[in-house]
Every structure is written in structure tokens, then in C-alpha cells.
Amino acid sequence: MSKIGIIGAGNVSRAMLTGMSKSKYDLEMVYINSKSQESKERLALDLMIKCAKNNIDLVKKSKYIIFALKSKNYSEVIEEIKDYIDVDNHIFISLAPGYTIGEFKEKTGYENLKVVRAMPNIPSYVAEGMTCLSFSEGDFSEKNKQEVIDIFEYFSEVEVLEEDYMDTAVSISASSPAYVYVMIEAMGDAGVLTGMPRKQSYKLAAQAVIGAAKMVKELDLHPGELKDAVCSPGGTTIEAIKVLEKRGFRSALIESMLACYNKSKLLQK
């Protein structure tokens, strides 16, 4: 098992590492570094992982280097480490929306650098994440690709995509848990409005979402077909669906995801 270095100690790093620990990944093989000494030390202490002295130390000790920081900070970090890059052995994994593989290579000055764009999401925290991966064309052996996939499968499902689809992955996968949390919160509020205690309302709402998603994933049926199966003629569910359609629930979701997609594309500029 090769060593992993993570630059950045924010929410995404914590989610990935917590998911890895739940799946019994050996976190002794992981190094962390961050501009924030406090964040780095807190994450290292919580999950019992090693702190690198600095980014150069991290690169020297790791095969896989994950950039878990904002794209505006990429140039500074790449400038710091680029003289220590081993093109034959290092694999760089970029998590920033809108930061392309070509841009990453250009900043380092290495045309044949192994670069992966990865888009995980917050449910990785409970080892139920979704990660989309895109590999720099022509630089990876199948063995190298599988090694990267294996890392992300410790905390998520993995889908390999062409890089052109990565901005869509931001809107439909990476950002979408936030939409679901808003929906669960609203469902819980409705339960409270009708007299149910909030804790029970959230539990019922969350489990309904989990079960519905599992049916879509495992039964391989169209979501509309599953929706129709719940809607009895003249019943309670179709009455709720009528209101959702009247209030633009479907179009609001589509438009919000398009806004997310467009923002991701804008970051490339």
C-alpha cells in the first residue's frame, strides 16, 4: 500500500479520511498538511494520522498527492513543490471544481504528469459517498488507474468519466447532498408543524430518502415508475405531488443544478 499525502485539512479531507477509517483503511499510510496549523493538528489528532512538516516533506513521502484546497491556492502550492515532483512515480489528484487537468500540468511544467480530477462528496464521511474520476489521457497504466479507484472505493462508489462531464458531476453529485439536506429539513419542519417531535420527524424523513434512493439504485427502474407506484388513485401521495408540481419543485431543482454547473464552468475562467 503506497503512501497518500493530502494537502488541505478542511471538510472534504475530514469526510474522506473518516470514511476510510470506517472501512478499515490503514491511516498510518496517510500524511496531512495544511496552511492552518490548527486544522492540520486537529484532524491528525482526531483520526490518528501523521502530520507532514510542510508540502515539500509531504511530496517526498507520498506517491499519491491529493490537492484538497481551493483552486486559488493551487499556483502557490505547485510553485513550492514542483522541483520535487517525480514524474515517473507521483500521481496527483485534484479535487477543485473547475480546475482542469491541462491547467494543472501547465502549472507544474510537466506534460506527461499523471493527474486525476476527482469529485467526491460529503457522504464519504459515512463511507457512502460518490466519487467521479477523470484521468489525464495517455499517462496512466490500467494498474495505476485501478490503484486510484481502490483508494476512493474505501469511502465511496466510483464512476470514471470523461473530463468534459466533471462540471456536471459537481452539480449532480458533489453539491447535491446540500439540496437533499434542505429537503430533509423541510420535511422535518412539516412533521413538527403537524405535531411530531423534531427528532422523530428527521429520522422518518432521512430514512425515507435513504430507502427511496436505494430502490432507484438497486431495482434499475425509472424514478417516474417508482413515483407512480406510490401514488394511489385519489390518494394522499398524488395530492402532495400535485402541490409540488404546482410550486415548481421539479423545475427549481433543475434550475438550481444548472446554476451550480454554470458556476463550476465560470471557475475555469
Protein backbone atom coordinates (compact mmCIF):
# COMPACT_ATOMS: atom_id res chain seq x y z
CA MET A 1 0.00 0.00 0.00
CA SER A 2 1.59 3.28 -1.12
CA LYS A 3 1.52 6.43 0.97
CA ILE A 4 -1.05 9.18 0.44
CA GLY A 5 -0.38 12.86 1.09
CA ILE A 6 -3.31 15.25 1.48
CA ILE A 7 -2.75 18.99 1.18
CA GLY A 8 -5.67 20.68 2.93
CA ALA A 9 -7.44 19.80 6.17
CA GLY A 10 -10.99 21.02 5.52
CA ASN A 11 -14.37 19.29 5.41
CA VAL A 12 -13.68 17.19 2.32
CA SER A 13 -10.42 15.83 3.73
CA ARG A 14 -12.13 15.00 7.01
CA ALA A 15 -15.00 13.29 5.18
CA MET A 16 -12.69 11.13 3.06
CA LEU A 17 -10.41 10.17 5.94
CA THR A 18 -13.30 9.41 8.31
CA GLY A 19 -14.87 7.19 5.66
CA MET A 20 -11.53 5.45 5.13
CA SER A 21 -11.22 4.79 8.86
CA LYS A 22 -14.75 3.31 8.95
CA SER A 23 -13.71 0.96 6.14
CA LYS A 24 -10.53 -0.06 8.00
CA TYR A 25 -8.07 1.69 5.69
CA ASP A 26 -4.63 1.86 7.33
CA LEU A 27 -4.36 5.59 8.09
CA GLU A 28 -0.73 5.04 9.09
CA MET A 29 -0.11 5.36 5.36
CA VAL A 30 -1.54 8.92 5.21
CA TYR A 31 0.18 12.28 5.70
CA ILE A 32 -1.65 15.59 6.08
CA ASN A 33 -0.52 19.18 5.68
CA SER A 34 -2.42 22.45 5.70
CA LYS A 35 -1.78 26.17 5.76
CA SER A 36 -3.73 26.18 9.02
CA GLN A 37 -1.59 24.51 11.67
CA GLU A 38 -4.60 24.24 13.97
CA SER A 39 -6.75 22.45 11.37
CA LYS A 40 -3.95 20.07 10.48
CA GLU A 41 -3.20 19.15 14.08
CA ARG A 42 -6.89 18.75 14.99
CA LEU A 43 -7.52 16.40 12.05
CA ALA A 44 -4.33 14.44 12.76
CA LEU A 45 -5.28 14.05 16.42
CA ASP A 46 -8.90 13.09 15.73
CA LEU A 47 -8.02 10.40 13.21
CA MET A 48 -4.50 9.48 14.37
CA ILE A 49 -2.77 10.34 11.12
CA LYS A 50 0.67 11.82 10.59
CA CYS A 51 1.40 15.50 10.00
CA ALA A 52 3.96 16.38 7.32
CA LYS A 53 6.39 19.17 8.20
CA ASN A 54 5.43 21.07 5.06
CA ASN A 55 4.25 20.46 1.49
CA ILE A 56 7.71 19.50 0.26
CA ASP A 57 8.06 16.94 3.05
CA LEU A 58 4.61 15.57 2.14
CA VAL A 59 5.52 15.20 -1.54
CA LYS A 60 8.78 13.44 -0.71
CA LYS A 61 6.97 10.90 1.48
CA SER A 62 3.92 10.18 -0.72
CA LYS A 63 3.09 8.54 -4.02
CA TYR A 64 -0.46 9.93 -4.24
CA ILE A 65 -0.74 13.67 -3.59
CA ILE A 66 -4.29 14.94 -3.12
CA PHE A 67 -4.96 18.66 -3.56
CA ALA A 68 -7.89 19.23 -1.16
CA LEU A 69 -7.73 23.01 -1.21
CA LYS A 70 -9.33 25.88 -3.09
CA SER A 71 -8.21 26.37 -6.68
CA LYS A 72 -7.00 29.92 -5.91
CA ASN A 73 -4.27 28.34 -3.75
CA TYR A 74 -3.08 25.81 -6.34
CA SER A 75 -0.49 28.03 -8.01
CA GLU A 76 1.27 28.83 -4.72
CA VAL A 77 1.45 25.17 -3.68
CA ILE A 78 2.54 23.91 -7.11
CA GLU A 79 5.30 26.52 -7.25
CA GLU A 80 6.50 25.33 -3.85
CA ILE A 81 6.66 21.61 -4.73
CA LYS A 82 7.31 21.43 -8.48
CA ASP A 83 11.08 20.89 -8.16
CA TYR A 84 10.37 17.79 -6.05
CA ILE A 85 7.94 16.09 -8.43
CA ASP A 86 8.88 12.59 -9.60
CA VAL A 87 7.07 12.28 -12.94
CA ASP A 88 7.56 8.52 -13.11
CA ASN A 89 6.12 7.76 -9.69
CA HIS A 90 3.94 10.59 -8.39
CA ILE A 91 0.19 10.67 -9.02
CA PHE A 92 -1.57 14.00 -8.39
CA ILE A 93 -5.27 14.09 -7.55
CA SER A 94 -7.07 17.42 -7.85
CA LEU A 95 -10.39 18.00 -6.07
CA ALA A 96 -11.09 21.64 -7.01
CA PRO A 97 -14.15 22.26 -9.22
CA GLY A 98 -13.30 23.95 -12.49
CA TYR A 99 -9.54 23.31 -12.33
CA THR A 100 -8.68 21.28 -15.42
CA ILE A 101 -6.07 18.58 -15.88
CA GLY A 102 -4.42 20.68 -18.59
CA GLU A 103 -4.16 23.68 -16.27
CA PHE A 104 -2.63 21.54 -13.52
CA LYS A 105 0.01 20.17 -15.91
CA GLU A 106 0.76 23.61 -17.28
CA LYS A 107 1.40 24.99 -13.79
CA THR A 108 3.84 22.19 -12.97
CA GLY A 109 5.62 22.31 -16.34
CA TYR A 110 5.38 18.52 -16.83
CA GLU A 111 3.37 17.45 -19.89
CA ASN A 112 3.38 13.74 -19.01
CA LEU A 113 2.47 14.16 -15.33
CA LYS A 114 -0.12 11.69 -14.01
CA VAL A 115 -3.07 13.87 -12.97
CA VAL A 116 -6.54 12.82 -11.82
CA ARG A 117 -9.54 15.08 -11.36
CA ALA A 118 -11.69 13.72 -8.56
CA MET A 119 -15.07 14.88 -7.35
CA PRO A 120 -16.05 13.19 -4.06
CA ASN A 121 -18.92 14.29 -1.84
CA ILE A 122 -19.67 14.74 1.86
CA PRO A 123 -21.45 11.37 2.42
CA SER A 124 -17.94 9.92 2.12
CA TYR A 125 -17.91 10.71 5.84
CA VAL A 126 -20.05 7.61 6.47
CA ALA A 127 -18.41 5.61 3.65
CA GLU A 128 -21.47 6.17 1.42
CA GLY A 129 -20.01 8.79 -0.90
CA MET A 130 -20.00 9.14 -4.66
CA THR A 131 -16.74 10.00 -6.43
CA CYS A 132 -16.29 10.80 -10.10
CA LEU A 133 -12.78 10.40 -11.53
CA SER A 134 -11.16 11.60 -14.73
CA PHE A 135 -7.62 10.57 -15.68
CA SER A 136 -5.13 12.51 -17.80
CA GLU A 137 -5.20 10.83 -21.19
CA GLY A 138 -2.27 8.59 -22.10
CA ASP A 139 -0.42 8.97 -18.80
CA PHE A 140 -1.89 6.09 -16.79
CA SER A 141 -1.46 2.34 -16.96
CA GLU A 142 -4.53 0.30 -16.08
CA LYS A 143 -2.72 -0.70 -12.89
CA ASN A 144 -2.23 2.94 -11.89
CA LYS A 145 -5.88 3.72 -12.62
CA GLN A 146 -7.07 0.82 -10.50
CA GLU A 147 -4.83 1.91 -7.62
CA VAL A 148 -6.55 5.31 -7.57
CA ILE A 149 -10.02 3.76 -7.88
CA ASP A 150 -9.20 1.43 -4.97
CA ILE A 151 -8.39 4.40 -2.69
CA PHE A 152 -11.70 6.14 -3.37
CA GLU A 153 -13.70 2.92 -3.07
CA TYR A 154 -12.82 2.85 0.63
CA PHE A 155 -15.37 5.61 1.20
CA SER A 156 -17.49 5.90 -1.95
CA GLU A 157 -18.90 4.46 -5.12
CA VAL A 158 -16.67 5.38 -8.08
CA GLU A 159 -17.57 6.38 -11.63
CA VAL A 160 -14.88 7.11 -14.22
CA LEU A 161 -15.93 9.96 -16.54
CA GLU A 162 -14.54 11.92 -19.44
CA GLU A 163 -13.26 15.25 -18.14
CA ASP A 164 -15.95 17.16 -20.07
CA TYR A 165 -18.55 15.70 -17.68
CA MET A 166 -16.83 16.77 -14.45
CA ASP A 167 -18.73 20.07 -14.14
CA THR A 168 -21.97 18.13 -14.40
CA ALA A 169 -20.66 15.83 -11.66
CA VAL A 170 -20.28 18.88 -9.41
CA SER A 171 -23.97 19.73 -9.71
CA ILE A 172 -25.46 16.25 -9.69
CA SER A 173 -23.18 14.57 -7.15
CA ALA A 174 -20.72 16.75 -5.24
CA SER A 175 -23.12 19.59 -4.37
CA SER A 176 -26.39 17.67 -4.35
CA PRO A 177 -26.24 16.40 -0.75
CA ALA A 178 -26.89 20.02 0.26
CA TYR A 179 -30.14 20.00 -1.74
CA VAL A 180 -31.18 16.77 -0.02
CA TYR A 181 -30.37 18.18 3.43
CA VAL A 182 -32.63 21.16 2.70
CA MET A 183 -35.40 18.76 1.66
CA ILE A 184 -35.00 16.62 4.80
CA GLU A 185 -35.03 19.75 6.96
CA ALA A 186 -38.24 20.94 5.28
CA MET A 187 -39.86 17.51 5.67
CA GLY A 188 -38.92 17.56 9.35
CA ASP A 189 -40.38 21.05 9.74
CA ALA A 190 -43.65 19.80 8.25
CA GLY A 191 -43.68 16.97 10.78
CA VAL A 192 -43.18 19.45 13.62
CA LEU A 193 -45.96 21.63 12.18
CA THR A 194 -48.37 18.70 12.42
CA GLY A 195 -47.30 17.84 15.97
CA MET A 196 -44.49 15.28 15.74
CA PRO A 197 -41.27 15.84 17.77
CA ARG A 198 -38.42 17.14 15.59
CA LYS A 199 -36.01 14.27 16.27
CA GLN A 200 -38.55 11.70 15.12
CA SER A 201 -39.53 13.82 12.12
CA TYR A 202 -35.92 13.99 10.90
CA LYS A 203 -35.44 10.25 11.43
CA LEU A 204 -38.52 9.41 9.36
CA ALA A 205 -37.59 11.85 6.61
CA ALA A 206 -33.96 10.69 6.40
CA GLN A 207 -34.87 7.01 6.23
CA ALA A 208 -37.47 7.69 3.55
CA VAL A 209 -34.77 9.37 1.43
CA ILE A 210 -32.30 6.51 2.04
CA GLY A 211 -34.87 3.88 1.11
CA ALA A 212 -36.11 5.72 -1.97
CA ALA A 213 -32.56 6.21 -3.26
CA LYS A 214 -31.71 2.55 -2.66
CA MET A 215 -34.72 1.46 -4.70
CA VAL A 216 -33.65 3.65 -7.65
CA LYS A 217 -30.13 2.24 -7.46
CA GLU A 218 -30.91 -1.44 -6.94
CA LEU A 219 -34.16 -2.04 -8.84
CA ASP A 220 -32.99 -0.32 -12.05
CA LEU A 221 -36.44 1.19 -12.59
CA HIS A 222 -37.20 4.68 -13.87
CA PRO A 223 -37.80 7.09 -10.95
CA GLY A 224 -41.11 8.07 -12.52
CA GLU A 225 -42.26 4.46 -12.43
CA LEU A 226 -41.40 4.22 -8.73
CA LYS A 227 -43.21 7.51 -8.07
CA ASP A 228 -46.32 6.20 -9.82
CA ALA A 229 -46.24 3.05 -7.66
CA VAL A 230 -46.64 5.19 -4.51
CA CYS A 231 -49.43 7.36 -5.95
CA SER A 232 -52.74 5.56 -5.43
CA PRO A 233 -55.72 6.99 -7.37
CA GLY A 234 -57.34 9.75 -5.34
CA GLY A 235 -54.87 9.17 -2.52
CA THR A 236 -52.68 11.25 -0.23
CA THR A 237 -49.42 10.99 -2.19
CA ILE A 238 -50.80 12.22 -5.52
CA GLU A 239 -52.27 15.19 -3.62
CA ALA A 240 -48.76 16.03 -2.38
CA ILE A 241 -47.28 15.57 -5.87
CA LYS A 242 -49.89 17.96 -7.28
CA VAL A 243 -48.70 20.69 -4.90
CA LEU A 244 -45.03 20.01 -5.64
CA GLU A 245 -45.68 20.35 -9.37
CA LYS A 246 -47.78 23.48 -8.88
CA ARG A 247 -45.00 25.10 -6.82
CA GLY A 248 -42.29 24.22 -9.36
CA PHE A 249 -40.38 21.65 -7.28
CA ARG A 250 -39.03 19.84 -10.33
CA SER A 251 -38.01 22.97 -12.25
CA ALA A 252 -36.48 24.53 -9.12
CA LEU A 253 -34.18 21.52 -8.77
CA ILE A 254 -33.19 21.58 -12.43
CA GLU A 255 -32.52 25.32 -12.38
CA SER A 256 -30.52 25.14 -9.15
CA MET A 257 -28.34 22.39 -10.59
CA LEU A 258 -27.81 24.36 -13.79
CA ALA A 259 -26.74 27.33 -11.66
CA CYS A 260 -24.25 25.07 -9.87
CA TYR A 261 -22.96 23.73 -13.22
CA ASN A 262 -22.56 27.25 -14.64
CA LYS A 263 -20.67 28.38 -11.54
CA SER A 264 -18.30 25.46 -11.92
CA LYS A 265 -17.69 26.38 -15.57
CA LEU A 266 -17.15 30.01 -14.55
CA LEU A 267 -14.37 28.96 -12.14
CA GLN A 268 -12.36 27.78 -15.17
CA LYS A 269 -12.09 31.39 -16.28
